[in-house]
Amino acid sequence: MKKQFMGSKAVLGLLTILMAGMSSAGAGEASDNRSAKKLPSAKKEDAKNYDEMVVISAGKFIFGKPGATKEISLPAYSIDKYEVTNRQYAKFNLDHKYGRGGDNYPVTMVSLNDAIAHCEALDKRLPTEQEWEKAARGTDGRIYPWGNEFDKVLCITSESAAVAAGQPAQLAPVGSCEKGQSPYGVEDMAGNVWEWTSSWDQRYSVLRGGSFFEDRNYAMVYSSLLSIPDDVKDYAGFRCVKDVK
């Protein structure tokens, strides 16, 4: 059998073609299966609209730290669902140099004036700290966007799940913790990057939201950071709001 096989070039050629065809079909099927497995995540990523804004209805909400809260009423406004990304910022700032991460990571290393200018280019503005807090906590006075108990899976902080698994604290793409969104559906309002607001505390500008390398105490919806307005940090970004007419 072996001699006959070796001595017949025609048979050998035919078998080679058949085997190559079977191998190619198998590889194609495996490739299709792999592609099929990747499709859901690809579709999910494509489904995100990074320019989406969320309407925050007019009315009262509980503002401030426990023991020093007060009820505040705000008119309706829209707020960016996600923190402004590198890609979005680069559209209006052609010399923008990416900090940490890629296109869909929150832009960092921007001053208060940089953030204001970007919002104005879109006919928007920075939120006040009251507007930011209402969008983050809703109307029931909760401590975190998702409720009153800290959950390391629902935010990007120094105590996040990845850090607990031995990885260093690091910035994440916007919208990485969908289940940690606020009652209004606004994302990334606990950790990832601090966000500039238009509010002031004497000569200091107020930032809200905590960041990726700070713990749960700074991710609380009423926590704040004070900064000189022309400072830039690799853990501070922003989002915009727009008045609802």
C-alpha atoms as a PDB file:
ATOM      1  CA  MET A   1       0.000   0.000   0.000  1.00  0.00           C
ATOM      2  CA  LYS A   2       2.752   2.342   0.910  1.00  0.00           C
ATOM      3  CA  LYS A   3       4.655   1.542  -2.342  1.00  0.00           C
ATOM      4  CA  GLN A   4       1.587   2.083  -4.470  1.00  0.00           C
ATOM      5  CA  PHE A   5       0.808   5.393  -2.741  1.00  0.00           C
ATOM      6  CA  MET A   6       4.321   6.656  -3.196  1.00  0.00           C
ATOM      7  CA  GLY A   7       4.479   5.539  -6.772  1.00  0.00           C
ATOM      8  CA  SER A   8       1.252   7.179  -7.929  1.00  0.00           C
ATOM      9  CA  LYS A   9       1.646  10.927  -8.363  1.00  0.00           C
ATOM     10  CA  ALA A  10      -1.931  11.317  -9.552  1.00  0.00           C
ATOM     11  CA  VAL A  11      -3.361   9.715  -6.426  1.00  0.00           C
ATOM     12  CA  LEU A  12      -0.973  11.648  -4.252  1.00  0.00           C
ATOM     13  CA  GLY A  13      -1.976  14.897  -5.928  1.00  0.00           C
ATOM     14  CA  LEU A  14      -5.684  14.144  -5.545  1.00  0.00           C
ATOM     15  CA  LEU A  15      -5.310  13.236  -1.882  1.00  0.00           C
ATOM     16  CA  THR A  16      -3.263  16.386  -1.275  1.00  0.00           C
ATOM     17  CA  ILE A  17      -5.980  18.549  -2.817  1.00  0.00           C
ATOM     18  CA  LEU A  18      -8.718  16.807  -0.814  1.00  0.00           C
ATOM     19  CA  MET A  19      -6.805  17.111   2.459  1.00  0.00           C
ATOM     20  CA  ALA A  20      -6.018  20.784   1.799  1.00  0.00           C
ATOM     21  CA  GLY A  21      -9.673  21.445   1.112  1.00  0.00           C
ATOM     22  CA  MET A  22     -10.748  19.719   4.325  1.00  0.00           C
ATOM     23  CA  SER A  23      -8.090  21.624   6.299  1.00  0.00           C
ATOM     24  CA  SER A  24      -9.148  24.923   4.754  1.00  0.00           C
ATOM     25  CA  ALA A  25     -12.800  24.231   5.486  1.00  0.00           C
ATOM     26  CA  GLY A  26     -11.977  23.338   9.073  1.00  0.00           C
ATOM     27  CA  ALA A  27      -9.887  26.450   9.504  1.00  0.00           C
ATOM     28  CA  GLY A  28     -12.614  28.546   7.960  1.00  0.00           C
ATOM     29  CA  GLU A  29     -15.189  27.059  10.291  1.00  0.00           C
ATOM     30  CA  ALA A  30     -12.953  27.661  13.307  1.00  0.00           C
ATOM     31  CA  SER A  31     -12.329  31.205  12.129  1.00  0.00           C
ATOM     32  CA  ASP A  32     -16.063  31.761  11.705  1.00  0.00           C
ATOM     33  CA  ASN A  33     -16.668  30.411  15.204  1.00  0.00           C
ATOM     34  CA  ARG A  34     -14.047  32.726  16.651  1.00  0.00           C
ATOM     35  CA  SER A  35     -15.524  35.663  14.783  1.00  0.00           C
ATOM     36  CA  ALA A  36     -18.987  34.747  15.994  1.00  0.00           C
ATOM     37  CA  LYS A  37     -17.753  34.729  19.566  1.00  0.00           C
ATOM     38  CA  LYS A  38     -16.289  38.219  19.146  1.00  0.00           C
ATOM     39  CA  LEU A  39     -19.331  39.726  17.497  1.00  0.00           C
ATOM     40  CA  PRO A  40     -21.392  40.433  20.634  1.00  0.00           C
ATOM     41  CA  SER A  41     -18.632  42.458  22.314  1.00  0.00           C
ATOM     42  CA  ALA A  42     -17.885  44.291  19.064  1.00  0.00           C
ATOM     43  CA  LYS A  43     -21.544  45.166  18.642  1.00  0.00           C
ATOM     44  CA  LYS A  44     -21.733  46.249  22.260  1.00  0.00           C
ATOM     45  CA  GLU A  45     -18.759  48.588  21.821  1.00  0.00           C
ATOM     46  CA  ASP A  46     -20.190  50.000  18.600  1.00  0.00           C
ATOM     47  CA  ALA A  47     -23.545  50.535  20.311  1.00  0.00           C
ATOM     48  CA  LYS A  48     -22.082  53.086  22.728  1.00  0.00           C
ATOM     49  CA  ASN A  49     -22.819  56.653  21.742  1.00  0.00           C
ATOM     50  CA  TYR A  50     -20.077  58.643  23.444  1.00  0.00           C
ATOM     51  CA  ASP A  51     -21.836  61.898  22.556  1.00  0.00           C
ATOM     52  CA  GLU A  52     -25.057  60.843  24.314  1.00  0.00           C
ATOM     53  CA  MET A  53     -26.536  63.186  26.891  1.00  0.00           C
ATOM     54  CA  VAL A  54     -28.987  62.338  29.674  1.00  0.00           C
ATOM     55  CA  VAL A  55     -31.814  64.658  30.706  1.00  0.00           C
ATOM     56  CA  ILE A  56     -31.978  65.415  34.424  1.00  0.00           C
ATOM     57  CA  SER A  57     -35.539  66.467  35.202  1.00  0.00           C
ATOM     58  CA  ALA A  58     -36.348  69.653  37.098  1.00  0.00           C
ATOM     59  CA  GLY A  59     -37.060  69.370  40.803  1.00  0.00           C
ATOM     60  CA  LYS A  60     -35.635  68.926  44.271  1.00  0.00           C
ATOM     61  CA  PHE A  61     -32.888  66.612  45.491  1.00  0.00           C
ATOM     62  CA  ILE A  62     -30.851  66.062  48.655  1.00  0.00           C
ATOM     63  CA  PHE A  63     -27.478  67.823  48.411  1.00  0.00           C
ATOM     64  CA  GLY A  64     -24.431  67.563  50.644  1.00  0.00           C
ATOM     65  CA  LYS A  65     -22.749  65.340  53.203  1.00  0.00           C
ATOM     66  CA  PRO A  66     -24.700  63.354  55.826  1.00  0.00           C
ATOM     67  CA  GLY A  67     -25.398  65.612  58.772  1.00  0.00           C
ATOM     68  CA  ALA A  68     -25.126  68.714  56.608  1.00  0.00           C
ATOM     69  CA  THR A  69     -27.594  68.007  53.824  1.00  0.00           C
ATOM     70  CA  LYS A  70     -30.101  70.411  52.360  1.00  0.00           C
ATOM     71  CA  GLU A  71     -32.834  70.187  49.792  1.00  0.00           C
ATOM     72  CA  ILE A  72     -32.088  72.040  46.566  1.00  0.00           C
ATOM     73  CA  SER A  73     -34.287  72.571  43.531  1.00  0.00           C
ATOM     74  CA  LEU A  74     -32.725  72.753  40.060  1.00  0.00           C
ATOM     75  CA  PRO A  75     -34.204  73.420  36.610  1.00  0.00           C
ATOM     76  CA  ALA A  76     -33.949  70.668  34.005  1.00  0.00           C
ATOM     77  CA  TYR A  77     -30.639  70.184  32.176  1.00  0.00           C
ATOM     78  CA  SER A  78     -28.806  67.579  30.110  1.00  0.00           C
ATOM     79  CA  ILE A  79     -25.453  66.072  31.108  1.00  0.00           C
ATOM     80  CA  ASP A  80     -22.968  63.959  29.165  1.00  0.00           C
ATOM     81  CA  LYS A  81     -23.561  60.287  29.858  1.00  0.00           C
ATOM     82  CA  TYR A  82     -19.813  59.648  29.768  1.00  0.00           C
ATOM     83  CA  GLU A  83     -16.703  61.602  30.654  1.00  0.00           C
ATOM     84  CA  VAL A  84     -15.240  63.436  27.638  1.00  0.00           C
ATOM     85  CA  THR A  85     -12.889  61.065  25.809  1.00  0.00           C
ATOM     86  CA  ASN A  86      -9.518  61.630  24.160  1.00  0.00           C
ATOM     87  CA  ARG A  87     -11.085  61.215  20.739  1.00  0.00           C
ATOM     88  CA  GLN A  88     -13.833  63.759  21.441  1.00  0.00           C
ATOM     89  CA  TYR A  89     -11.391  66.275  22.869  1.00  0.00           C
ATOM     90  CA  ALA A  90      -8.999  65.909  19.933  1.00  0.00           C
ATOM     91  CA  LYS A  91     -11.731  66.973  17.479  1.00  0.00           C
ATOM     92  CA  PHE A  92     -11.516  70.538  18.772  1.00  0.00           C
ATOM     93  CA  ASN A  93      -7.944  70.447  20.028  1.00  0.00           C
ATOM     94  CA  LEU A  94      -5.804  69.219  17.154  1.00  0.00           C
ATOM     95  CA  ASP A  95      -2.546  69.380  19.132  1.00  0.00           C
ATOM     96  CA  HIS A  96      -3.962  67.248  21.950  1.00  0.00           C
ATOM     97  CA  LYS A  97      -1.502  64.648  23.179  1.00  0.00           C
ATOM     98  CA  TYR A  98      -3.131  61.603  24.696  1.00  0.00           C
ATOM     99  CA  GLY A  99      -2.369  60.961  28.326  1.00  0.00           C
ATOM    100  CA  ARG A 100      -3.137  57.507  29.639  1.00  0.00           C
ATOM    101  CA  GLY A 101      -5.135  55.152  27.444  1.00  0.00           C
ATOM    102  CA  GLY A 102      -6.558  55.401  23.947  1.00  0.00           C
ATOM    103  CA  ASP A 103      -9.412  56.978  22.028  1.00  0.00           C
ATOM    104  CA  ASN A 104     -12.213  56.085  24.443  1.00  0.00           C
ATOM    105  CA  TYR A 105     -10.378  56.766  27.685  1.00  0.00           C
ATOM    106  CA  PRO A 106     -11.300  59.951  29.569  1.00  0.00           C
ATOM    107  CA  VAL A 107      -9.204  62.923  28.551  1.00  0.00           C
ATOM    108  CA  THR A 108      -6.843  64.071  31.317  1.00  0.00           C
ATOM    109  CA  MET A 109      -4.151  66.726  31.735  1.00  0.00           C
ATOM    110  CA  VAL A 110      -6.659  69.487  30.984  1.00  0.00           C
ATOM    111  CA  SER A 111      -7.012  72.682  33.005  1.00  0.00           C
ATOM    112  CA  LEU A 112     -10.282  74.266  34.038  1.00  0.00           C
ATOM    113  CA  ASN A 113     -10.040  76.717  31.137  1.00  0.00           C
ATOM    114  CA  ASP A 114      -9.314  73.874  28.703  1.00  0.00           C
ATOM    115  CA  ALA A 115     -12.462  72.105  29.878  1.00  0.00           C
ATOM    116  CA  ILE A 116     -14.556  75.271  29.659  1.00  0.00           C
ATOM    117  CA  ALA A 117     -13.335  75.975  26.115  1.00  0.00           C
ATOM    118  CA  HIS A 118     -14.188  72.457  24.939  1.00  0.00           C
ATOM    119  CA  CYS A 119     -17.699  72.653  26.356  1.00  0.00           C
ATOM    120  CA  GLU A 120     -18.248  76.075  24.791  1.00  0.00           C
ATOM    121  CA  ALA A 121     -17.146  74.751  21.376  1.00  0.00           C
ATOM    122  CA  LEU A 122     -20.106  72.375  21.613  1.00  0.00           C
ATOM    123  CA  ASP A 123     -22.505  75.062  22.853  1.00  0.00           C
ATOM    124  CA  LYS A 124     -22.380  73.445  26.296  1.00  0.00           C
ATOM    125  CA  ARG A 125     -20.860  74.345  29.656  1.00  0.00           C
ATOM    126  CA  LEU A 126     -19.369  72.722  32.753  1.00  0.00           C
ATOM    127  CA  PRO A 127     -21.856  71.580  35.403  1.00  0.00           C
ATOM    128  CA  THR A 128     -22.118  73.269  38.775  1.00  0.00           C
ATOM    129  CA  GLU A 129     -21.286  70.951  41.644  1.00  0.00           C
ATOM    130  CA  GLN A 130     -25.004  70.870  42.496  1.00  0.00           C
ATOM    131  CA  GLU A 131     -25.864  69.733  38.964  1.00  0.00           C
ATOM    132  CA  TRP A 132     -23.077  67.169  39.020  1.00  0.00           C
ATOM    133  CA  GLU A 133     -24.237  65.763  42.359  1.00  0.00           C
ATOM    134  CA  LYS A 134     -27.884  65.477  41.369  1.00  0.00           C
ATOM    135  CA  ALA A 135     -26.935  63.596  38.210  1.00  0.00           C
ATOM    136  CA  ALA A 136     -24.790  61.253  40.311  1.00  0.00           C
ATOM    137  CA  ARG A 137     -27.111  60.489  43.231  1.00  0.00           C
ATOM    138  CA  GLY A 138     -30.676  61.114  42.097  1.00  0.00           C
ATOM    139  CA  THR A 139     -33.200  62.456  44.584  1.00  0.00           C
ATOM    140  CA  ASP A 140     -33.013  59.990  47.471  1.00  0.00           C
ATOM    141  CA  GLY A 141     -29.746  61.108  49.098  1.00  0.00           C
ATOM    142  CA  ARG A 142     -27.773  57.937  48.364  1.00  0.00           C
ATOM    143  CA  ILE A 143     -24.031  57.733  49.034  1.00  0.00           C
ATOM    144  CA  TYR A 144     -22.883  56.160  45.773  1.00  0.00           C
ATOM    145  CA  PRO A 145     -24.491  56.343  42.330  1.00  0.00           C
ATOM    146  CA  TRP A 146     -25.817  52.778  42.718  1.00  0.00           C
ATOM    147  CA  GLY A 147     -26.867  52.917  46.386  1.00  0.00           C
ATOM    148  CA  ASN A 148     -25.531  53.212  49.926  1.00  0.00           C
ATOM    149  CA  GLU A 149     -23.047  50.330  50.023  1.00  0.00           C
ATOM    150  CA  PHE A 150     -19.637  50.426  48.358  1.00  0.00           C
ATOM    151  CA  ASP A 151     -19.080  47.810  45.648  1.00  0.00           C
ATOM    152  CA  LYS A 152     -15.605  47.545  44.106  1.00  0.00           C
ATOM    153  CA  VAL A 153     -17.043  45.969  40.943  1.00  0.00           C
ATOM    154  CA  LEU A 154     -19.188  49.004  40.146  1.00  0.00           C
ATOM    155  CA  CYS A 155     -16.477  51.666  39.949  1.00  0.00           C
ATOM    156  CA  ILE A 156     -12.835  52.377  39.094  1.00  0.00           C
ATOM    157  CA  THR A 157     -11.023  53.161  42.354  1.00  0.00           C
ATOM    158  CA  SER A 158      -7.963  51.937  44.236  1.00  0.00           C
ATOM    159  CA  GLU A 159     -10.196  49.211  45.652  1.00  0.00           C
ATOM    160  CA  SER A 160     -11.632  48.028  42.338  1.00  0.00           C
ATOM    161  CA  ALA A 161     -11.819  44.355  41.406  1.00  0.00           C
ATOM    162  CA  ALA A 162      -8.761  44.558  39.122  1.00  0.00           C
ATOM    163  CA  VAL A 163      -6.659  46.090  41.910  1.00  0.00           C
ATOM    164  CA  ALA A 164      -7.833  43.437  44.353  1.00  0.00           C
ATOM    165  CA  ALA A 165      -6.607  40.826  41.862  1.00  0.00           C
ATOM    166  CA  GLY A 166      -3.088  42.232  42.097  1.00  0.00           C
ATOM    167  CA  GLN A 167      -3.084  44.713  39.213  1.00  0.00           C
ATOM    168  CA  PRO A 168      -2.027  48.333  39.772  1.00  0.00           C
ATOM    169  CA  ALA A 169      -4.643  51.059  39.988  1.00  0.00           C
ATOM    170  CA  GLN A 170      -5.160  52.455  36.516  1.00  0.00           C
ATOM    171  CA  LEU A 171      -7.437  54.495  34.320  1.00  0.00           C
ATOM    172  CA  ALA A 172     -10.198  52.659  32.429  1.00  0.00           C
ATOM    173  CA  PRO A 173     -12.178  53.372  29.244  1.00  0.00           C
ATOM    174  CA  VAL A 174     -15.329  55.401  29.845  1.00  0.00           C
ATOM    175  CA  GLY A 175     -18.400  53.295  30.498  1.00  0.00           C
ATOM    176  CA  SER A 176     -16.431  50.362  31.928  1.00  0.00           C
ATOM    177  CA  CYS A 177     -18.825  49.870  34.844  1.00  0.00           C
ATOM    178  CA  GLU A 178     -22.314  50.033  33.346  1.00  0.00           C
ATOM    179  CA  LYS A 179     -23.952  48.510  36.430  1.00  0.00           C
ATOM    180  CA  GLY A 180     -22.537  51.344  38.529  1.00  0.00           C
ATOM    181  CA  GLN A 181     -24.497  54.041  36.695  1.00  0.00           C
ATOM    182  CA  SER A 182     -26.556  56.648  38.531  1.00  0.00           C
ATOM    183  CA  PRO A 183     -30.372  56.562  38.881  1.00  0.00           C
ATOM    184  CA  TYR A 184     -30.541  58.681  35.726  1.00  0.00           C
ATOM    185  CA  GLY A 185     -28.241  56.369  33.766  1.00  0.00           C
ATOM    186  CA  VAL A 186     -25.151  58.591  33.917  1.00  0.00           C
ATOM    187  CA  GLU A 187     -21.899  56.596  34.009  1.00  0.00           C
ATOM    188  CA  ASP A 188     -18.430  56.944  35.573  1.00  0.00           C
ATOM    189  CA  MET A 189     -19.546  59.179  38.433  1.00  0.00           C
ATOM    190  CA  ALA A 190     -17.616  57.193  41.042  1.00  0.00           C
ATOM    191  CA  GLY A 191     -13.886  57.012  40.432  1.00  0.00           C
ATOM    192  CA  ASN A 192     -11.938  56.818  37.159  1.00  0.00           C
ATOM    193  CA  VAL A 193     -11.144  60.580  36.989  1.00  0.00           C
ATOM    194  CA  TRP A 194     -12.036  63.634  39.019  1.00  0.00           C
ATOM    195  CA  GLU A 195     -14.242  66.004  37.029  1.00  0.00           C
ATOM    196  CA  TRP A 196     -14.014  69.773  36.816  1.00  0.00           C
ATOM    197  CA  THR A 197     -17.125  71.766  37.724  1.00  0.00           C
ATOM    198  CA  SER A 198     -17.884  75.469  37.351  1.00  0.00           C
ATOM    199  CA  SER A 199     -18.208  75.889  41.128  1.00  0.00           C
ATOM    200  CA  TRP A 200     -15.683  77.593  43.391  1.00  0.00           C
ATOM    201  CA  ASP A 201     -14.661  77.391  47.039  1.00  0.00           C
ATOM    202  CA  GLN A 202     -13.031  80.765  47.618  1.00  0.00           C
ATOM    203  CA  ARG A 203     -10.115  80.836  45.133  1.00  0.00           C
ATOM    204  CA  TYR A 204     -10.200  77.110  44.412  1.00  0.00           C
ATOM    205  CA  SER A 205     -12.124  75.288  41.710  1.00  0.00           C
ATOM    206  CA  VAL A 206     -14.227  72.298  42.778  1.00  0.00           C
ATOM    207  CA  LEU A 207     -13.831  68.858  41.211  1.00  0.00           C
ATOM    208  CA  ARG A 208     -16.147  65.903  41.861  1.00  0.00           C
ATOM    209  CA  GLY A 209     -16.223  62.126  41.542  1.00  0.00           C
ATOM    210  CA  GLY A 210     -13.006  60.607  42.876  1.00  0.00           C
ATOM    211  CA  SER A 211     -10.411  58.851  40.732  1.00  0.00           C
ATOM    212  CA  PHE A 212      -8.819  55.525  39.880  1.00  0.00           C
ATOM    213  CA  PHE A 213      -6.109  55.665  42.547  1.00  0.00           C
ATOM    214  CA  GLU A 214      -8.217  56.884  45.497  1.00  0.00           C
ATOM    215  CA  ASP A 215     -10.468  54.832  47.743  1.00  0.00           C
ATOM    216  CA  ARG A 216     -14.220  54.577  48.345  1.00  0.00           C
ATOM    217  CA  ASN A 217     -14.357  57.698  50.509  1.00  0.00           C
ATOM    218  CA  TYR A 218     -13.521  59.906  47.543  1.00  0.00           C
ATOM    219  CA  ALA A 219     -15.972  58.053  45.281  1.00  0.00           C
ATOM    220  CA  MET A 220     -18.922  59.161  47.411  1.00  0.00           C
ATOM    221  CA  VAL A 221     -21.248  61.452  45.471  1.00  0.00           C
ATOM    222  CA  TYR A 222     -20.681  64.409  47.817  1.00  0.00           C
ATOM    223  CA  SER A 223     -16.862  64.157  47.997  1.00  0.00           C
ATOM    224  CA  SER A 224     -14.896  66.962  46.390  1.00  0.00           C
ATOM    225  CA  LEU A 225     -11.374  68.014  45.489  1.00  0.00           C
ATOM    226  CA  LEU A 226     -10.166  71.623  45.476  1.00  0.00           C
ATOM    227  CA  SER A 227      -7.626  72.763  42.903  1.00  0.00           C
ATOM    228  CA  ILE A 228      -6.135  75.909  41.437  1.00  0.00           C
ATOM    229  CA  PRO A 229      -7.847  76.377  38.044  1.00  0.00           C
ATOM    230  CA  ASP A 230      -4.755  76.268  35.835  1.00  0.00           C
ATOM    231  CA  ASP A 231      -3.454  73.008  37.278  1.00  0.00           C
ATOM    232  CA  VAL A 232      -3.472  69.875  35.125  1.00  0.00           C
ATOM    233  CA  LYS A 233      -3.515  66.331  36.454  1.00  0.00           C
ATOM    234  CA  ASP A 234      -3.385  62.832  34.996  1.00  0.00           C
ATOM    235  CA  TYR A 235      -6.374  61.919  37.172  1.00  0.00           C
ATOM    236  CA  ALA A 236      -8.700  64.818  36.308  1.00  0.00           C
ATOM    237  CA  GLY A 237     -11.070  65.181  33.353  1.00  0.00           C
ATOM    238  CA  PHE A 238     -14.584  66.536  32.832  1.00  0.00           C
ATOM    239  CA  ARG A 239     -18.017  66.220  31.259  1.00  0.00           C
ATOM    240  CA  CYS A 240     -20.372  68.905  29.926  1.00  0.00           C
ATOM    241  CA  VAL A 241     -23.963  69.952  30.511  1.00  0.00           C
ATOM    242  CA  LYS A 242     -26.524  71.858  28.488  1.00  0.00           C
ATOM    243  CA  ASP A 243     -29.566  73.827  29.565  1.00  0.00           C
ATOM    244  CA  VAL A 244     -32.932  72.333  28.648  1.00  0.00           C
ATOM    245  CA  LYS A 245     -35.219  75.001  27.184  1.00  0.00           C
END
